Amino acid sequence: MYVLSDGIDVLVADETGATPELLDAAGGMTVLRLGPDLLDAHPKATGELTAQGRPDDIALVTLTSGSTGRPKGCAHSYRSLALNWAWQPARWPERTARLAAGYERYLLFGTLSSAVIFEHLGVCLMGGGTAVIPEPPFAFPQVFERHRITACLMTVPRLHQVLDVLRTERVDTSSLRVLLVAGSPLAPHRLAEAARLLGPVVHQGYGQTETGLLTLLTPDEMAEFPDQVYDSVGRAWSGVEMDVRDPEGRPVPAGTTGEIWVRTDSAMAGYWKDEERTREVLRAGWVRTRDVGHLDDQGFLRLTGRARDVVIINAIVHYAGAIERALAAHPDVDQAYVVGAPDERTGEAAHAFVVPAEGREPDLDAVRAFVAVELGEASVPATVTVVTEVPVAPSGKPDKRALLSRITGPLETA
């Protein structure tokens, strides 16, 4: 409904997608149904089709996941789509070609309206692979064995699901060559467990709808630097320039935390119908990611959190990502998520939700003390709640809004 209300003239849907709910939301809008008789059924569309898009015309608007608010429309030009690394095999360096070789049988699920799924479909097709679309419903990781999948892109919550199954069941995942995890932070111990259970196939990626893939941590890098990179999201990807900058937009030295700025040919032209936000994010060919982190001397990026995912306690900014990493580093904790809520005494307060490590029962006082040692007493969450699982948003990412909704009425320290 939100998308269709934003000045859409024509809705194009296939027979399975044209649900009563969708058609009702479309109202009196023109609806074209995909099929072999599309042109015959709609005389205005008949005749020879001629591509008229100019390089800088807007070709595609892709919505962000909305994890930090209402979804934003990222407008991509024909030029940026044509220059996207995934669709340019002639320009692939050896590192990219090696990744693409693993997409022989790529598990395609979800929606192609997702920029990341569309991008990795390009890697598969341009590398000569096959996109495998199983009949739903199907289960993870059993789908890998059944269809001899060689490559898959998944979110962190789905990886958690895969690892939970593999701890207790024997599933043949030997066909996998690339399992790329992205979308939200992955705790180092979980990345190490995934590599142990699945073998040298696990990759961790970082990117945005606005830019496409920005960094990748590969199994080769994890093997080369086993004690150094499990807390990173890898190095800059093909065709990506990356800076870390201070609040005034000035580059900072390696090891210094700041906002991540990137430059890539496949970046969006701007946010659809939002000039003010476009001016905030696009600066002289660079994209402000609004993510915070630092680069080490070898070019590995470590993320601290989102610039907007903060809790302001007693007028001091605390990044939720840093608190989450400190919580997840405790041996009793498998996953941790932090949200901020208004507080009469401190302005805002941090509230943590933790999933216990297998077979462990977190001592919450010890967990709080652990955070205090790592980050200082001021970063200790006001409440820590143990949950068996974390709700997942339609995007596949952890749903912090759902967690925030659990904090109602008077708050008591857990």
Protein backbone atom coordinates (compact mmCIF):
# COMPACT_ATOMS: atom_id res chain seq x y z
CA MET A 1 0.00 0.00 0.00
CA TYR A 2 2.84 2.40 0.90
CA VAL A 3 4.54 1.82 -2.47
CA LEU A 4 1.37 2.02 -4.54
CA SER A 5 0.36 5.30 -2.90
CA ASP A 6 3.50 7.06 -4.13
CA GLY A 7 2.48 8.30 -7.58
CA ILE A 8 2.47 4.92 -9.35
CA ASP A 9 0.75 4.99 -12.77
CA VAL A 10 0.80 1.32 -13.79
CA LEU A 11 1.03 -1.91 -11.82
CA VAL A 12 2.58 -4.91 -13.60
CA ALA A 13 2.07 -8.32 -11.97
CA ASP A 14 2.11 -11.96 -12.99
CA GLU A 15 -0.88 -14.24 -12.38
CA THR A 16 0.35 -15.52 -9.02
CA GLY A 17 1.34 -12.05 -7.84
CA ALA A 18 -1.95 -10.36 -8.72
CA THR A 19 -3.60 -11.27 -5.43
CA PRO A 20 -6.97 -9.79 -4.40
CA GLU A 21 -5.17 -7.79 -1.72
CA LEU A 22 -2.77 -6.28 -4.26
CA LEU A 23 -5.53 -5.47 -6.74
CA ASP A 24 -7.60 -3.88 -3.99
CA ALA A 25 -4.65 -1.71 -2.98
CA ALA A 26 -4.20 -0.69 -6.64
CA GLY A 27 -7.71 0.78 -6.71
CA GLY A 28 -8.45 2.30 -10.11
CA MET A 29 -4.83 2.07 -11.25
CA THR A 30 -4.05 0.45 -14.62
CA VAL A 31 -2.98 -3.17 -14.05
CA LEU A 32 -0.96 -5.07 -16.67
CA ARG A 33 -0.65 -8.82 -16.21
CA LEU A 34 2.54 -10.49 -17.33
CA GLY A 35 2.10 -13.32 -19.79
CA PRO A 36 2.54 -14.34 -23.41
CA ASP A 37 -0.43 -12.22 -24.47
CA LEU A 38 0.60 -9.03 -22.67
CA LEU A 39 1.00 -6.90 -25.80
CA ASP A 40 -2.12 -8.25 -27.52
CA ALA A 41 -4.24 -7.65 -24.43
CA HIS A 42 -3.14 -4.03 -24.16
CA PRO A 43 -3.23 -2.29 -27.57
CA LYS A 44 -1.45 0.81 -26.32
CA ALA A 45 1.62 -1.31 -25.72
CA THR A 46 1.65 -2.92 -29.17
CA GLY A 47 4.11 -2.14 -31.89
CA GLU A 48 7.87 -2.24 -31.97
CA LEU A 49 9.45 -1.66 -28.57
CA THR A 50 12.30 0.83 -28.61
CA ALA A 51 14.55 1.50 -25.65
CA GLN A 52 14.49 5.25 -25.00
CA GLY A 53 16.23 5.47 -21.63
CA ARG A 54 19.23 7.80 -21.52
CA PRO A 55 22.23 6.91 -19.29
CA ASP A 56 21.27 9.34 -16.54
CA ASP A 57 17.52 8.67 -16.61
CA ILE A 58 16.10 6.80 -13.64
CA ALA A 59 15.73 3.14 -14.53
CA LEU A 60 14.83 1.50 -11.23
CA VAL A 61 13.65 2.50 -7.77
CA THR A 62 14.46 -0.04 -5.07
CA LEU A 63 13.16 0.24 -1.52
CA THR A 64 15.42 -0.13 1.49
CA SER A 65 14.40 -2.60 4.19
CA GLY A 66 13.11 0.15 6.46
CA SER A 67 15.11 -1.14 9.43
CA THR A 68 15.83 2.43 10.58
CA GLY A 69 12.44 3.91 9.68
CA ARG A 70 10.11 4.10 6.69
CA PRO A 71 11.55 2.43 3.56
CA LYS A 72 13.40 4.84 1.30
CA GLY A 73 13.28 4.63 -2.49
CA CYS A 74 16.78 4.40 -3.97
CA ALA A 75 16.70 5.66 -7.55
CA HIS A 76 19.26 4.07 -9.86
CA SER A 77 20.07 5.38 -13.32
CA TYR A 78 20.62 3.25 -16.40
CA ARG A 79 24.29 4.19 -16.11
CA SER A 80 24.66 2.91 -12.54
CA LEU A 81 22.84 -0.34 -13.37
CA ALA A 82 25.05 -0.88 -16.42
CA LEU A 83 28.19 -0.33 -14.33
CA ASN A 84 27.17 -2.55 -11.41
CA TRP A 85 29.99 -5.03 -10.77
CA ALA A 86 27.67 -8.04 -10.81
CA TRP A 87 26.63 -7.51 -14.43
CA GLN A 88 30.10 -6.80 -15.86
CA PRO A 89 32.00 -10.12 -16.12
CA ALA A 90 34.53 -8.64 -18.54
CA ARG A 91 35.64 -6.29 -15.76
CA TRP A 92 35.85 -8.87 -12.98
CA PRO A 93 39.23 -9.04 -11.26
CA GLU A 94 40.49 -12.44 -10.13
CA ARG A 95 38.91 -12.07 -6.67
CA THR A 96 35.46 -11.45 -8.15
CA ALA A 97 35.78 -14.19 -10.77
CA ARG A 98 36.67 -16.67 -8.04
CA LEU A 99 33.52 -15.73 -6.12
CA ALA A 100 31.34 -15.97 -9.23
CA ALA A 101 32.67 -19.45 -10.00
CA GLY A 102 30.89 -20.68 -6.89
CA TYR A 103 27.46 -19.60 -8.21
CA GLU A 104 27.02 -22.68 -10.41
CA ARG A 105 23.71 -23.47 -8.68
CA TYR A 106 22.51 -20.36 -6.86
CA LEU A 107 19.55 -20.72 -4.49
CA LEU A 108 17.16 -17.93 -5.47
CA PHE A 109 14.46 -17.19 -2.92
CA GLY A 110 12.82 -14.03 -1.65
CA THR A 111 11.98 -11.18 -4.00
CA LEU A 112 13.85 -9.66 -6.91
CA SER A 113 12.65 -6.26 -5.69
CA SER A 114 15.46 -6.64 -3.15
CA ALA A 115 18.57 -4.94 -4.50
CA VAL A 116 20.92 -7.48 -2.94
CA ILE A 117 19.07 -10.51 -4.34
CA PHE A 118 18.95 -8.89 -7.79
CA GLU A 119 22.68 -8.14 -7.60
CA HIS A 120 23.65 -11.71 -6.74
CA LEU A 121 21.35 -13.11 -9.40
CA GLY A 122 23.51 -11.10 -11.79
CA VAL A 123 26.65 -12.77 -10.45
CA CYS A 124 25.06 -16.17 -11.08
CA LEU A 125 23.80 -15.49 -14.60
CA MET A 126 26.83 -13.55 -15.83
CA GLY A 127 29.10 -16.30 -14.53
CA GLY A 128 27.19 -18.97 -16.46
CA GLY A 129 25.40 -20.39 -13.42
CA THR A 130 21.82 -21.52 -12.86
CA ALA A 131 19.33 -19.89 -10.52
CA VAL A 132 17.54 -22.66 -8.63
CA ILE A 133 14.02 -21.72 -7.46
CA PRO A 134 12.63 -24.53 -5.29
CA GLU A 135 8.93 -25.15 -4.88
CA PRO A 136 7.91 -23.72 -1.49
CA PRO A 137 7.87 -24.48 1.30
CA PHE A 138 11.44 -25.68 1.80
CA ALA A 139 13.63 -26.00 4.86
CA PHE A 140 17.15 -24.80 5.63
CA PRO A 141 19.71 -26.30 5.45
CA GLN A 142 18.02 -29.38 3.92
CA VAL A 143 17.36 -27.44 0.70
CA PHE A 144 21.13 -27.36 0.07
CA GLU A 145 21.32 -31.15 0.07
CA ARG A 146 18.15 -31.74 -1.94
CA HIS A 147 19.05 -29.36 -4.80
CA ARG A 148 22.86 -29.58 -4.59
CA ILE A 149 23.08 -25.84 -4.06
CA THR A 150 26.52 -24.31 -4.54
CA ALA A 151 25.79 -20.69 -3.55
CA CYS A 152 23.34 -18.97 -1.25
CA LEU A 153 22.85 -15.47 0.13
CA MET A 154 21.20 -15.29 3.56
CA THR A 155 20.58 -13.02 6.53
CA VAL A 156 22.07 -13.52 9.98
CA PRO A 157 18.84 -14.86 11.58
CA ARG A 158 18.59 -17.53 8.86
CA LEU A 159 22.22 -18.50 9.45
CA HIS A 160 21.39 -18.94 13.13
CA GLN A 161 18.60 -21.29 12.06
CA VAL A 162 20.99 -23.28 9.85
CA LEU A 163 23.55 -23.64 12.61
CA ASP A 164 20.91 -24.70 15.13
CA VAL A 165 19.91 -27.57 12.82
CA LEU A 166 23.47 -28.63 12.02
CA ARG A 167 24.30 -28.98 15.72
CA THR A 168 21.83 -31.85 16.07
CA GLU A 169 21.18 -33.22 12.55
CA ARG A 170 23.36 -34.63 9.81
CA VAL A 171 22.70 -32.68 6.61
CA ASP A 172 24.93 -32.95 3.56
CA THR A 173 26.07 -29.40 2.74
CA SER A 174 29.15 -30.50 0.82
CA SER A 175 27.86 -28.98 -2.45
CA LEU A 176 28.18 -25.45 -1.01
CA ARG A 177 31.01 -23.29 -2.29
CA VAL A 178 29.70 -19.84 -1.31
CA LEU A 179 27.47 -19.04 1.64
CA LEU A 180 27.32 -15.25 1.87
CA VAL A 181 25.89 -13.79 5.07
CA ALA A 182 24.83 -10.13 5.16
CA GLY A 183 22.17 -7.70 6.32
CA SER A 184 23.07 -7.23 9.98
CA PRO A 185 26.02 -7.76 12.33
CA LEU A 186 27.22 -11.32 12.88
CA ALA A 187 28.98 -12.10 16.17
CA PRO A 188 32.57 -13.37 15.67
CA HIS A 189 31.89 -16.61 17.57
CA ARG A 190 28.93 -17.36 15.28
CA LEU A 191 31.05 -16.71 12.18
CA ALA A 192 33.70 -19.07 13.53
CA GLU A 193 31.05 -21.72 14.26
CA ALA A 194 29.63 -21.39 10.74
CA ALA A 195 33.09 -21.89 9.25
CA ARG A 196 33.63 -24.93 11.46
CA LEU A 197 30.30 -26.60 10.63
CA LEU A 198 30.09 -25.67 6.93
CA GLY A 199 33.74 -25.53 5.94
CA PRO A 200 35.66 -22.84 4.02
CA VAL A 201 32.60 -21.54 2.18
CA VAL A 202 31.31 -18.85 4.54
CA HIS A 203 31.66 -15.23 3.43
CA GLN A 204 30.52 -12.15 5.34
CA GLY A 205 29.41 -9.18 3.27
CA TYR A 206 28.47 -5.58 3.95
CA GLY A 207 26.55 -3.32 1.61
CA GLN A 208 23.52 -1.10 1.20
CA THR A 209 20.59 -0.73 -1.17
CA GLU A 210 22.04 2.69 -2.01
CA THR A 211 25.39 1.27 -3.16
CA GLY A 212 25.38 -2.49 -3.63
CA LEU A 213 28.07 -4.72 -2.11
CA LEU A 214 30.81 -2.71 -0.38
CA THR A 215 33.05 -5.20 1.43
CA LEU A 216 33.54 -8.94 1.61
CA LEU A 217 35.33 -11.17 4.09
CA THR A 218 36.38 -14.41 2.38
CA PRO A 219 37.39 -17.85 3.68
CA ASP A 220 40.92 -17.26 2.33
CA GLU A 221 41.22 -14.13 4.47
CA MET A 222 39.91 -15.92 7.53
CA ALA A 223 42.49 -18.66 6.99
CA GLU A 224 45.31 -16.15 6.45
CA PHE A 225 44.42 -14.02 9.49
CA PRO A 226 42.67 -16.49 11.84
CA ASP A 227 43.04 -14.39 14.98
CA GLN A 228 42.43 -10.98 13.45
CA VAL A 229 39.46 -10.72 11.08
CA TYR A 230 36.46 -12.61 12.49
CA ASP A 231 35.19 -9.32 13.92
CA SER A 232 35.44 -7.56 10.55
CA VAL A 233 33.28 -7.45 7.40
CA GLY A 234 36.28 -7.74 5.11
CA ARG A 235 37.95 -5.46 2.61
CA ALA A 236 36.55 -3.06 0.03
CA TRP A 237 34.93 -4.88 -2.88
CA SER A 238 35.64 -4.53 -6.58
CA GLY A 239 35.31 -0.91 -7.76
CA VAL A 240 34.65 0.48 -4.27
CA GLU A 241 36.63 3.35 -2.74
CA MET A 242 36.23 3.70 1.01
CA ASP A 243 37.07 6.40 3.56
CA VAL A 244 36.40 6.78 7.26
CA ARG A 245 35.67 10.42 8.09
CA ASP A 246 35.06 12.66 11.08
CA PRO A 247 31.82 14.67 11.58
CA GLU A 248 33.20 17.45 9.36
CA GLY A 249 33.77 15.00 6.49
CA ARG A 250 37.57 14.85 6.84
CA PRO A 251 39.36 11.49 6.42
CA VAL A 252 40.79 10.05 9.65
CA PRO A 253 43.85 7.80 10.13
CA ALA A 254 43.63 4.00 10.08
CA GLY A 255 42.27 2.65 13.33
CA THR A 256 40.23 5.78 14.06
CA THR A 257 36.47 5.40 14.31
CA GLY A 258 34.27 7.57 12.14
CA GLU A 259 31.50 7.51 9.54
CA ILE A 260 32.08 5.33 6.48
CA TRP A 261 32.00 7.14 3.13
CA VAL A 262 32.13 5.20 -0.15
CA ARG A 263 32.41 5.89 -3.85
CA THR A 264 31.29 3.39 -6.50
CA ASP A 265 29.96 3.58 -10.06
CA SER A 266 26.86 1.58 -9.09
CA ALA A 267 25.68 4.00 -6.38
CA MET A 268 22.17 5.40 -6.56
CA ALA A 269 21.40 8.77 -8.14
CA GLY A 270 19.42 9.80 -5.07
CA TYR A 271 16.35 9.08 -2.97
CA TRP A 272 13.12 9.09 -4.93
CA LYS A 273 11.22 12.37 -4.36
CA ASP A 274 13.39 13.30 -1.38
CA GLU A 275 15.89 15.99 -2.34
CA GLU A 276 16.71 16.96 1.24
CA ARG A 277 17.76 13.46 2.26
CA THR A 278 19.63 13.06 -1.04
CA ARG A 279 21.70 16.16 -0.27
CA GLU A 280 22.50 14.75 3.18
CA VAL A 281 23.78 11.43 1.84
CA LEU A 282 25.34 12.21 -1.57
CA ARG A 283 28.40 14.46 -1.39
CA ALA A 284 30.52 15.20 -4.49
CA GLY A 285 30.35 11.64 -5.80
CA TRP A 286 30.63 10.04 -2.36
CA VAL A 287 27.89 8.26 -0.41
CA ARG A 288 27.61 8.70 3.34
CA THR A 289 26.63 5.24 4.56
CA ARG A 290 25.53 6.52 7.99
CA ASP A 291 27.40 3.54 9.41
CA VAL A 292 30.22 3.94 11.90
CA GLY A 293 33.43 1.92 12.02
CA HIS A 294 37.16 1.91 11.36
CA LEU A 295 39.67 0.49 8.89
CA ASP A 296 42.84 -1.25 10.05
CA ASP A 297 46.25 -1.03 8.39
CA GLN A 298 45.43 -3.97 6.11
CA GLY A 299 42.15 -2.52 4.89
CA PHE A 300 39.74 -4.65 6.94
CA LEU A 301 36.61 -2.79 7.99
CA ARG A 302 35.13 -3.17 11.45
CA LEU A 303 31.65 -1.79 12.02
CA THR A 304 30.69 -0.12 15.28
CA GLY A 305 27.05 0.52 14.47
CA ARG A 306 24.68 2.76 12.57
CA ALA A 307 25.08 6.48 13.08
CA ARG A 308 21.36 6.64 13.82
CA ASP A 309 21.17 3.45 15.92
CA VAL A 310 22.18 5.20 19.09
CA VAL A 311 20.88 5.62 22.61
CA ILE A 312 21.45 9.05 24.16
CA ILE A 313 21.90 8.49 27.90
CA ASN A 314 22.45 11.56 30.06
CA ALA A 315 23.23 13.53 26.87
CA ILE A 316 26.00 11.06 25.91
CA VAL A 317 25.74 9.10 22.64
CA HIS A 318 26.10 5.31 23.00
CA TYR A 319 26.14 3.17 19.85
CA ALA A 320 23.80 0.19 20.12
CA GLY A 321 26.14 -1.91 17.98
CA ALA A 322 29.03 -1.54 20.42
CA ILE A 323 26.85 -2.63 23.36
CA GLU A 324 25.52 -5.57 21.34
CA ARG A 325 29.02 -6.77 20.53
CA ALA A 326 30.07 -6.52 24.17
CA LEU A 327 27.03 -8.53 25.27
CA ALA A 328 27.53 -11.19 22.58
CA ALA A 329 31.17 -11.60 23.61
CA HIS A 330 30.08 -13.02 26.99
CA PRO A 331 30.27 -16.85 26.93
CA ASP A 332 26.68 -17.20 28.18
CA VAL A 333 25.27 -15.11 25.31
CA ASP A 334 24.73 -16.22 21.73
CA GLN A 335 22.96 -13.16 20.30
CA ALA A 336 22.31 -9.68 21.64
CA TYR A 337 20.16 -6.76 20.48
CA VAL A 338 19.83 -3.31 22.04
CA VAL A 339 17.05 -0.75 21.66
CA GLY A 340 16.60 2.67 23.18
CA ALA A 341 13.45 3.94 24.90
CA PRO A 342 12.54 7.21 26.64
CA ASP A 343 13.52 7.43 30.30
CA GLU A 344 12.45 10.11 32.77
CA ARG A 345 15.79 10.17 34.57
CA THR A 346 18.32 9.81 31.77
CA GLY A 347 16.46 11.01 28.66
CA GLU A 348 16.84 7.59 27.03
CA ALA A 349 17.84 4.20 28.37
CA ALA A 350 19.32 1.15 26.65
CA HIS A 351 17.40 -2.11 26.88
CA ALA A 352 19.02 -5.38 25.86
CA PHE A 353 17.55 -8.66 24.68
CA VAL A 354 19.87 -11.68 24.72
CA VAL A 355 19.56 -15.20 23.38
CA PRO A 356 21.46 -17.66 25.60
CA ALA A 357 24.34 -19.71 24.25
CA GLU A 358 23.44 -23.38 23.83
CA GLY A 359 23.19 -25.10 27.19
CA ARG A 360 23.88 -21.89 29.13
CA GLU A 361 21.76 -19.83 31.50
CA PRO A 362 23.09 -16.26 31.52
CA ASP A 363 23.97 -14.74 34.87
CA LEU A 364 22.63 -11.27 34.12
CA ASP A 365 24.67 -9.58 36.83
CA ALA A 366 27.82 -11.12 35.33
CA VAL A 367 26.71 -10.04 31.84
CA ARG A 368 26.22 -6.46 33.02
CA ALA A 369 29.60 -6.48 34.74
CA PHE A 370 31.18 -7.76 31.53
CA VAL A 371 29.75 -4.81 29.57
CA ALA A 372 30.94 -2.39 32.26
CA VAL A 373 34.50 -3.68 31.94
CA GLU A 374 34.40 -3.55 28.13
CA LEU A 375 32.67 -0.18 27.64
CA GLY A 376 32.25 1.51 30.99
CA GLU A 377 29.44 1.64 33.51
CA ALA A 378 27.47 4.20 31.50
CA SER A 379 27.01 1.68 28.65
CA VAL A 380 25.43 -1.02 30.82
CA PRO A 381 21.81 -1.57 29.68
CA ALA A 382 19.05 -0.53 32.06
CA THR A 383 17.38 -3.89 31.51
CA VAL A 384 18.56 -7.21 30.14
CA THR A 385 15.86 -9.63 29.01
CA VAL A 386 16.52 -13.26 28.10
CA VAL A 387 14.58 -14.44 25.03
CA THR A 388 14.59 -17.77 23.24
CA GLU A 389 14.60 -16.14 19.81
CA VAL A 390 14.52 -12.71 18.21
CA PRO A 391 11.63 -11.62 15.98
CA VAL A 392 12.49 -11.23 12.33
CA ALA A 393 11.19 -8.47 10.05
CA PRO A 394 9.91 -9.16 6.51
CA SER A 395 13.35 -8.11 5.25
CA GLY A 396 14.88 -11.07 7.08
CA LYS A 397 16.70 -8.82 9.54
CA PRO A 398 16.21 -8.78 13.32
CA ASP A 399 13.08 -6.74 14.08
CA LYS A 400 14.14 -4.13 16.64
CA ARG A 401 10.76 -2.43 16.41
CA ALA A 402 9.10 -5.59 17.67
CA LEU A 403 11.59 -5.74 20.52
CA LEU A 404 10.95 -2.11 21.38
CA SER A 405 7.21 -2.79 21.52
CA ARG A 406 7.85 -5.21 24.38
CA ILE A 407 9.05 -2.33 26.54
CA THR A 408 5.74 -0.93 27.80
CA GLY A 409 4.64 0.55 31.10
CA PRO A 410 7.01 0.93 34.05
CA LEU A 411 10.41 -0.58 33.25
CA GLU A 412 12.03 -2.82 35.80
CA THR A 413 15.61 -4.00 35.77
CA ALA A 414 15.66 -7.63 34.69
